[in-house]
Amino acid sequence: GAHAPECQTRFRAHVLRRLVGLALLGLLPLGVFRYIFQLPFTQYGINLSHINHTAIWILGLLPVIVGINYYIAGKPANLRQYPQVRLTRWRFKELLINFFSWTLYLLGYEMLFRGFLLFALLHAFGLPLAVGINVAVYALVHLPKGWRETLGAIPFGLLLCLISLTTGSFLAAFVLHAMMALSNEFFAIKAHPDMQIKSNRL
């Protein structure tokens, strides 16, 4: 395995990529829509409308997502991919940074996919084509992670699109996607034979 300094370097690189992802996928389109096109981004899924409906989706699906991740955590195929950061010893600080950077990245990711992109396609092409294009692009970006994740992205992407369209917001998609990633990451760290979580906080 990699020496500790190499692991820490890769860890910092992952965190940096996630922060850049937030900027490029979320904040940059937000600025373009608001200040260049002068479009009301509240009509593109960037709002808190139907918050009760959103909460029902989140509370209903969260146990299912976490349960599936718990089941697959120790599978060899999952451990080959996750956790993305290959630290052998996880302190509280590193867990916190890892989860927080994942969350920020997925905020930008879902703001783009189930926010700007989905609703822009809806306004331009109508419902079937908007969902079809969104799910197809979402699946394609998972190709580097293998065919299992690519195929799995199709029903999950379809579900997130439909939830976003029925609530008028990307919020539920973001929370569900983040919880899927974070629970998978945590369970994979716990299940990985070469990794351990240190009890000391620092």
C-alpha atoms as a PDB file:
ATOM      1  CA  GLY A   1       0.000   0.000   0.000  1.00  0.00           C
ATOM      2  CA  ALA A   2       0.892   3.647  -0.241  1.00  0.00           C
ATOM      3  CA  HIS A   3       2.940   5.297   2.482  1.00  0.00           C
ATOM      4  CA  ALA A   4       1.146   7.751   4.762  1.00  0.00           C
ATOM      5  CA  PRO A   5       2.487  10.903   3.028  1.00  0.00           C
ATOM      6  CA  GLU A   6       1.310   9.579  -0.349  1.00  0.00           C
ATOM      7  CA  CYS A   7      -2.110   8.775   1.122  1.00  0.00           C
ATOM      8  CA  GLN A   8      -2.380  12.269   2.585  1.00  0.00           C
ATOM      9  CA  THR A   9      -1.399  13.805  -0.751  1.00  0.00           C
ATOM     10  CA  ARG A  10      -4.085  11.812  -2.549  1.00  0.00           C
ATOM     11  CA  PHE A  11      -6.566  12.716   0.161  1.00  0.00           C
ATOM     12  CA  ARG A  12      -5.887  16.423  -0.351  1.00  0.00           C
ATOM     13  CA  ALA A  13      -6.155  15.954  -4.129  1.00  0.00           C
ATOM     14  CA  HIS A  14      -9.600  14.342  -3.745  1.00  0.00           C
ATOM     15  CA  VAL A  15     -10.772  17.178  -1.516  1.00  0.00           C
ATOM     16  CA  LEU A  16      -9.460  19.782  -3.975  1.00  0.00           C
ATOM     17  CA  ARG A  17     -11.179  18.069  -6.924  1.00  0.00           C
ATOM     18  CA  ARG A  18     -14.460  18.070  -5.054  1.00  0.00           C
ATOM     19  CA  LEU A  19     -14.201  21.775  -4.248  1.00  0.00           C
ATOM     20  CA  VAL A  20     -13.352  22.538  -7.881  1.00  0.00           C
ATOM     21  CA  GLY A  21     -16.357  20.407  -8.848  1.00  0.00           C
ATOM     22  CA  LEU A  22     -18.621  22.517  -6.632  1.00  0.00           C
ATOM     23  CA  ALA A  23     -17.314  25.680  -8.302  1.00  0.00           C
ATOM     24  CA  LEU A  24     -17.529  24.435 -11.905  1.00  0.00           C
ATOM     25  CA  LEU A  25     -20.709  22.366 -11.716  1.00  0.00           C
ATOM     26  CA  GLY A  26     -22.743  24.483  -9.329  1.00  0.00           C
ATOM     27  CA  LEU A  27     -21.480  27.994  -8.679  1.00  0.00           C
ATOM     28  CA  LEU A  28     -20.391  28.796 -12.247  1.00  0.00           C
ATOM     29  CA  PRO A  29     -23.755  27.854 -13.838  1.00  0.00           C
ATOM     30  CA  LEU A  30     -25.503  29.736 -11.031  1.00  0.00           C
ATOM     31  CA  GLY A  31     -23.552  32.863 -11.913  1.00  0.00           C
ATOM     32  CA  VAL A  32     -24.138  32.402 -15.645  1.00  0.00           C
ATOM     33  CA  PHE A  33     -27.898  32.010 -15.212  1.00  0.00           C
ATOM     34  CA  ARG A  34     -28.183  34.898 -12.784  1.00  0.00           C
ATOM     35  CA  TYR A  35     -25.808  37.537 -14.110  1.00  0.00           C
ATOM     36  CA  ILE A  36     -25.299  36.761 -17.810  1.00  0.00           C
ATOM     37  CA  PHE A  37     -28.633  35.313 -18.938  1.00  0.00           C
ATOM     38  CA  GLN A  38     -30.506  37.097 -16.127  1.00  0.00           C
ATOM     39  CA  LEU A  39     -32.814  34.106 -15.778  1.00  0.00           C
ATOM     40  CA  PRO A  40     -34.803  33.434 -12.602  1.00  0.00           C
ATOM     41  CA  PHE A  41     -32.941  30.389 -11.313  1.00  0.00           C
ATOM     42  CA  THR A  42     -35.877  29.656  -9.002  1.00  0.00           C
ATOM     43  CA  GLN A  43     -37.544  28.256 -12.138  1.00  0.00           C
ATOM     44  CA  TYR A  44     -34.578  25.947 -12.698  1.00  0.00           C
ATOM     45  CA  GLY A  45     -34.856  23.883  -9.546  1.00  0.00           C
ATOM     46  CA  ILE A  46     -32.893  26.267  -7.312  1.00  0.00           C
ATOM     47  CA  ASN A  47     -35.552  26.906  -4.671  1.00  0.00           C
ATOM     48  CA  LEU A  48     -37.188  25.518  -1.542  1.00  0.00           C
ATOM     49  CA  SER A  49     -40.674  25.060  -2.967  1.00  0.00           C
ATOM     50  CA  HIS A  50     -42.887  22.154  -1.856  1.00  0.00           C
ATOM     51  CA  ILE A  51     -40.659  21.556   1.152  1.00  0.00           C
ATOM     52  CA  ASN A  52     -43.176  19.167   2.779  1.00  0.00           C
ATOM     53  CA  HIS A  53     -43.347  17.044  -0.376  1.00  0.00           C
ATOM     54  CA  THR A  54     -39.558  17.102  -0.536  1.00  0.00           C
ATOM     55  CA  ALA A  55     -39.277  15.929   3.081  1.00  0.00           C
ATOM     56  CA  ILE A  56     -41.628  13.004   2.411  1.00  0.00           C
ATOM     57  CA  TRP A  57     -39.474  11.821  -0.493  1.00  0.00           C
ATOM     58  CA  ILE A  58     -36.312  12.104   1.603  1.00  0.00           C
ATOM     59  CA  LEU A  59     -37.702  10.330   4.674  1.00  0.00           C
ATOM     60  CA  GLY A  60     -39.297   7.613   2.575  1.00  0.00           C
ATOM     61  CA  LEU A  61     -36.259   6.752   0.453  1.00  0.00           C
ATOM     62  CA  LEU A  62     -33.428   7.360   2.901  1.00  0.00           C
ATOM     63  CA  PRO A  63     -33.821   4.072   4.837  1.00  0.00           C
ATOM     64  CA  VAL A  64     -33.914   2.139   1.557  1.00  0.00           C
ATOM     65  CA  ILE A  65     -30.743   3.780   0.236  1.00  0.00           C
ATOM     66  CA  VAL A  66     -28.825   3.357   3.500  1.00  0.00           C
ATOM     67  CA  GLY A  67     -30.024  -0.246   3.812  1.00  0.00           C
ATOM     68  CA  ILE A  68     -28.832  -1.140   0.317  1.00  0.00           C
ATOM     69  CA  ASN A  69     -25.452   0.470   0.980  1.00  0.00           C
ATOM     70  CA  TYR A  70     -25.095  -1.433   4.238  1.00  0.00           C
ATOM     71  CA  TYR A  71     -25.776  -4.679   2.376  1.00  0.00           C
ATOM     72  CA  ILE A  72     -23.288  -4.079  -0.451  1.00  0.00           C
ATOM     73  CA  ALA A  73     -20.571  -2.372   1.635  1.00  0.00           C
ATOM     74  CA  GLY A  74     -18.344  -5.404   2.092  1.00  0.00           C
ATOM     75  CA  LYS A  75     -18.739  -6.791  -1.431  1.00  0.00           C
ATOM     76  CA  PRO A  76     -15.396  -7.027  -3.283  1.00  0.00           C
ATOM     77  CA  ALA A  77     -16.716  -5.034  -6.255  1.00  0.00           C
ATOM     78  CA  ASN A  78     -17.706  -2.179  -3.938  1.00  0.00           C
ATOM     79  CA  LEU A  79     -14.454  -2.212  -1.955  1.00  0.00           C
ATOM     80  CA  ARG A  80     -12.441  -1.947  -5.162  1.00  0.00           C
ATOM     81  CA  GLN A  81     -14.083   1.446  -5.812  1.00  0.00           C
ATOM     82  CA  TYR A  82     -14.850   2.751  -2.332  1.00  0.00           C
ATOM     83  CA  PRO A  83     -13.911   4.556  -0.289  1.00  0.00           C
ATOM     84  CA  GLN A  84     -12.442   6.798  -2.954  1.00  0.00           C
ATOM     85  CA  VAL A  85      -9.798   8.007  -0.526  1.00  0.00           C
ATOM     86  CA  ARG A  86      -7.555   5.070   0.392  1.00  0.00           C
ATOM     87  CA  LEU A  87      -6.374   6.072   3.850  1.00  0.00           C
ATOM     88  CA  THR A  88      -5.547   3.105   6.063  1.00  0.00           C
ATOM     89  CA  ARG A  89      -6.200   5.017   9.277  1.00  0.00           C
ATOM     90  CA  TRP A  90      -9.133   7.410   9.507  1.00  0.00           C
ATOM     91  CA  ARG A  91      -9.177  10.013  12.225  1.00  0.00           C
ATOM     92  CA  PHE A  92     -12.271  12.037  13.079  1.00  0.00           C
ATOM     93  CA  LYS A  93     -10.814  15.066  11.276  1.00  0.00           C
ATOM     94  CA  GLU A  94     -10.286  13.132   8.049  1.00  0.00           C
ATOM     95  CA  LEU A  95     -13.734  11.573   8.164  1.00  0.00           C
ATOM     96  CA  LEU A  96     -15.254  15.010   8.641  1.00  0.00           C
ATOM     97  CA  ILE A  97     -13.270  16.591   5.779  1.00  0.00           C
ATOM     98  CA  ASN A  98     -14.034  13.636   3.512  1.00  0.00           C
ATOM     99  CA  PHE A  99     -17.780  13.727   4.155  1.00  0.00           C
ATOM    100  CA  PHE A 100     -18.002  17.522   4.011  1.00  0.00           C
ATOM    101  CA  SER A 101     -16.116  17.742   0.689  1.00  0.00           C
ATOM    102  CA  TRP A 102     -18.284  14.938  -0.757  1.00  0.00           C
ATOM    103  CA  THR A 103     -21.398  16.873   0.287  1.00  0.00           C
ATOM    104  CA  LEU A 104     -20.192  20.132  -1.269  1.00  0.00           C
ATOM    105  CA  TYR A 105     -19.284  18.369  -4.520  1.00  0.00           C
ATOM    106  CA  LEU A 106     -22.689  16.696  -4.738  1.00  0.00           C
ATOM    107  CA  LEU A 107     -24.382  20.021  -4.018  1.00  0.00           C
ATOM    108  CA  GLY A 108     -22.823  21.440  -7.186  1.00  0.00           C
ATOM    109  CA  TYR A 109     -23.369  18.175  -9.067  1.00  0.00           C
ATOM    110  CA  GLU A 110     -27.100  17.988  -8.339  1.00  0.00           C
ATOM    111  CA  MET A 111     -27.556  21.722  -8.789  1.00  0.00           C
ATOM    112  CA  LEU A 112     -26.348  21.177 -12.342  1.00  0.00           C
ATOM    113  CA  PHE A 113     -27.967  17.833 -13.194  1.00  0.00           C
ATOM    114  CA  ARG A 114     -31.339  18.001 -11.437  1.00  0.00           C
ATOM    115  CA  GLY A 115     -31.401  21.787 -11.359  1.00  0.00           C
ATOM    116  CA  PHE A 116     -30.206  23.829 -14.312  1.00  0.00           C
ATOM    117  CA  LEU A 117     -29.811  21.030 -16.862  1.00  0.00           C
ATOM    118  CA  LEU A 118     -33.073  19.205 -16.144  1.00  0.00           C
ATOM    119  CA  PHE A 119     -35.310  22.271 -16.016  1.00  0.00           C
ATOM    120  CA  ALA A 120     -33.607  23.953 -18.992  1.00  0.00           C
ATOM    121  CA  LEU A 121     -34.217  20.791 -21.026  1.00  0.00           C
ATOM    122  CA  LEU A 122     -37.805  20.694 -19.764  1.00  0.00           C
ATOM    123  CA  HIS A 123     -38.452  24.269 -20.898  1.00  0.00           C
ATOM    124  CA  ALA A 124     -36.796  23.593 -24.259  1.00  0.00           C
ATOM    125  CA  PHE A 125     -37.936  20.084 -25.209  1.00  0.00           C
ATOM    126  CA  GLY A 126     -40.712  18.933 -22.910  1.00  0.00           C
ATOM    127  CA  LEU A 127     -40.856  16.201 -20.273  1.00  0.00           C
ATOM    128  CA  PRO A 128     -39.920  12.912 -22.033  1.00  0.00           C
ATOM    129  CA  LEU A 129     -36.890  14.267 -23.875  1.00  0.00           C
ATOM    130  CA  ALA A 130     -35.703  16.280 -20.872  1.00  0.00           C
ATOM    131  CA  VAL A 131     -35.703  13.231 -18.618  1.00  0.00           C
ATOM    132  CA  GLY A 132     -34.245  10.983 -21.331  1.00  0.00           C
ATOM    133  CA  ILE A 133     -31.308  13.295 -22.057  1.00  0.00           C
ATOM    134  CA  ASN A 134     -30.654  13.933 -18.374  1.00  0.00           C
ATOM    135  CA  VAL A 135     -30.591  10.241 -17.469  1.00  0.00           C
ATOM    136  CA  ALA A 136     -28.460   9.368 -20.515  1.00  0.00           C
ATOM    137  CA  VAL A 137     -25.832  11.998 -19.665  1.00  0.00           C
ATOM    138  CA  TYR A 138     -25.923  10.999 -15.994  1.00  0.00           C
ATOM    139  CA  ALA A 139     -25.299   7.353 -16.911  1.00  0.00           C
ATOM    140  CA  LEU A 140     -22.497   8.244 -19.319  1.00  0.00           C
ATOM    141  CA  VAL A 141     -20.532  10.169 -16.692  1.00  0.00           C
ATOM    142  CA  HIS A 142     -20.509   6.965 -14.609  1.00  0.00           C
ATOM    143  CA  LEU A 143     -18.798   4.947 -17.349  1.00  0.00           C
ATOM    144  CA  PRO A 144     -15.312   5.360 -15.818  1.00  0.00           C
ATOM    145  CA  LYS A 145     -16.634   3.635 -12.676  1.00  0.00           C
ATOM    146  CA  GLY A 146     -17.652   0.497 -14.566  1.00  0.00           C
ATOM    147  CA  TRP A 147     -20.767  -0.985 -16.067  1.00  0.00           C
ATOM    148  CA  ARG A 148     -22.438  -1.756 -12.728  1.00  0.00           C
ATOM    149  CA  GLU A 149     -22.527   1.881 -11.661  1.00  0.00           C
ATOM    150  CA  THR A 150     -23.405   2.988 -15.190  1.00  0.00           C
ATOM    151  CA  LEU A 151     -26.434   0.719 -15.297  1.00  0.00           C
ATOM    152  CA  GLY A 152     -27.365   1.589 -11.723  1.00  0.00           C
ATOM    153  CA  ALA A 153     -27.261   5.284 -12.583  1.00  0.00           C
ATOM    154  CA  ILE A 154     -30.166   4.835 -15.022  1.00  0.00           C
ATOM    155  CA  PRO A 155     -32.968   3.979 -12.537  1.00  0.00           C
ATOM    156  CA  PHE A 156     -31.460   6.201  -9.837  1.00  0.00           C
ATOM    157  CA  GLY A 157     -31.126   9.106 -12.266  1.00  0.00           C
ATOM    158  CA  LEU A 158     -34.693   8.581 -13.460  1.00  0.00           C
ATOM    159  CA  LEU A 159     -35.943   8.587  -9.877  1.00  0.00           C
ATOM    160  CA  LEU A 160     -34.067  11.795  -9.034  1.00  0.00           C
ATOM    161  CA  CYS A 161     -35.418  13.490 -12.161  1.00  0.00           C
ATOM    162  CA  LEU A 162     -39.007  12.584 -11.347  1.00  0.00           C
ATOM    163  CA  ILE A 163     -38.655  13.691  -7.727  1.00  0.00           C
ATOM    164  CA  SER A 164     -37.107  16.999  -8.822  1.00  0.00           C
ATOM    165  CA  LEU A 165     -39.850  17.629 -11.372  1.00  0.00           C
ATOM    166  CA  THR A 166     -42.662  16.842  -8.936  1.00  0.00           C
ATOM    167  CA  THR A 167     -41.175  19.058  -6.209  1.00  0.00           C
ATOM    168  CA  GLY A 168     -39.864  21.784  -8.541  1.00  0.00           C
ATOM    169  CA  SER A 169     -36.521  21.644  -6.738  1.00  0.00           C
ATOM    170  CA  PHE A 170     -33.232  19.737  -6.782  1.00  0.00           C
ATOM    171  CA  LEU A 171     -33.116  19.656  -2.959  1.00  0.00           C
ATOM    172  CA  ALA A 172     -34.405  16.086  -2.461  1.00  0.00           C
ATOM    173  CA  ALA A 173     -32.120  14.795  -5.220  1.00  0.00           C
ATOM    174  CA  PHE A 174     -29.156  16.438  -3.513  1.00  0.00           C
ATOM    175  CA  VAL A 175     -29.953  15.077  -0.042  1.00  0.00           C
ATOM    176  CA  LEU A 176     -30.615  11.539  -1.317  1.00  0.00           C
ATOM    177  CA  HIS A 177     -27.524  11.487  -3.534  1.00  0.00           C
ATOM    178  CA  ALA A 178     -25.373  12.852  -0.702  1.00  0.00           C
ATOM    179  CA  MET A 179     -26.675  10.326   1.790  1.00  0.00           C
ATOM    180  CA  MET A 180     -26.128   7.527  -0.710  1.00  0.00           C
ATOM    181  CA  ALA A 181     -22.501   8.598  -1.194  1.00  0.00           C
ATOM    182  CA  LEU A 182     -21.770   9.259   2.474  1.00  0.00           C
ATOM    183  CA  SER A 183     -23.336   6.066   3.806  1.00  0.00           C
ATOM    184  CA  ASN A 184     -21.559   3.990   1.157  1.00  0.00           C
ATOM    185  CA  GLU A 185     -18.282   5.699   2.000  1.00  0.00           C
ATOM    186  CA  PHE A 186     -18.695   5.116   5.732  1.00  0.00           C
ATOM    187  CA  PHE A 187     -19.777   1.482   5.430  1.00  0.00           C
ATOM    188  CA  ALA A 188     -16.949   0.801   2.968  1.00  0.00           C
ATOM    189  CA  ILE A 189     -14.378   2.238   5.375  1.00  0.00           C
ATOM    190  CA  LYS A 190     -15.794   0.089   8.181  1.00  0.00           C
ATOM    191  CA  ALA A 191     -15.819  -3.032   5.987  1.00  0.00           C
ATOM    192  CA  HIS A 192     -12.426  -2.578   4.344  1.00  0.00           C
ATOM    193  CA  PRO A 193      -9.907  -5.077   5.771  1.00  0.00           C
ATOM    194  CA  ASP A 194      -6.999  -2.641   5.400  1.00  0.00           C
ATOM    195  CA  MET A 195      -8.697   0.364   7.002  1.00  0.00           C
ATOM    196  CA  GLN A 196      -9.578   1.363  10.527  1.00  0.00           C
ATOM    197  CA  ILE A 197     -11.251   4.305  12.199  1.00  0.00           C
ATOM    198  CA  LYS A 198      -9.149   5.718  15.033  1.00  0.00           C
ATOM    199  CA  SER A 199     -10.922   6.501  18.279  1.00  0.00           C
ATOM    200  CA  ASN A 200      -8.955   9.667  18.965  1.00  0.00           C
ATOM    201  CA  ARG A 201     -10.602  12.803  17.557  1.00  0.00           C
ATOM    202  CA  LEU A 202      -7.468  14.384  16.072  1.00  0.00           C
END
